[in-house]
Amino acid sequence: MTTNDDDLSVEAILEALESAHAGEEPVLVAGLRERKKHRARQRISNVATALFLAEGFDNVTVARIAEVSEVSEQTVFNYFPTKESMFFDRSDPTSRRLPMRYGTVGVSLSARLS
């Protein structure tokens, strides 16, 4: 799951995302099932963001996101209708700082949109 550059590993980015979420207020959802769904969605989103930053949007497949998230492709699509929706899922300040910290690799969708 790592890239060629040790400073830009998927694990390092994923760890930064997950530690940023660890300090957040817990989501108040009723019931175990809803909490598990929320955690699964957050995990998929974190993995997708880490892979996009490390490898470039066009180089990452939904199958790869599912594999690293340890869910099926169908589960990914249950939470996110398109690959682009995973990319645009981030709006928190932490995720905006990640590209500055880790730079960009490959041709990314964000570079094309600027």
Foldseek 3Di string as FASTA:
>chain_A
DADPDPQLGLVVQLVLLVVVCVPDDDDDDPDDVVSVLVVLLSLLLSSLLSCCQRANLVVDDLCNSCVVSVHHSVSNCVNPVDSVSSVVVDDDPSSVCVCVSNPGHDYYPVVVVD
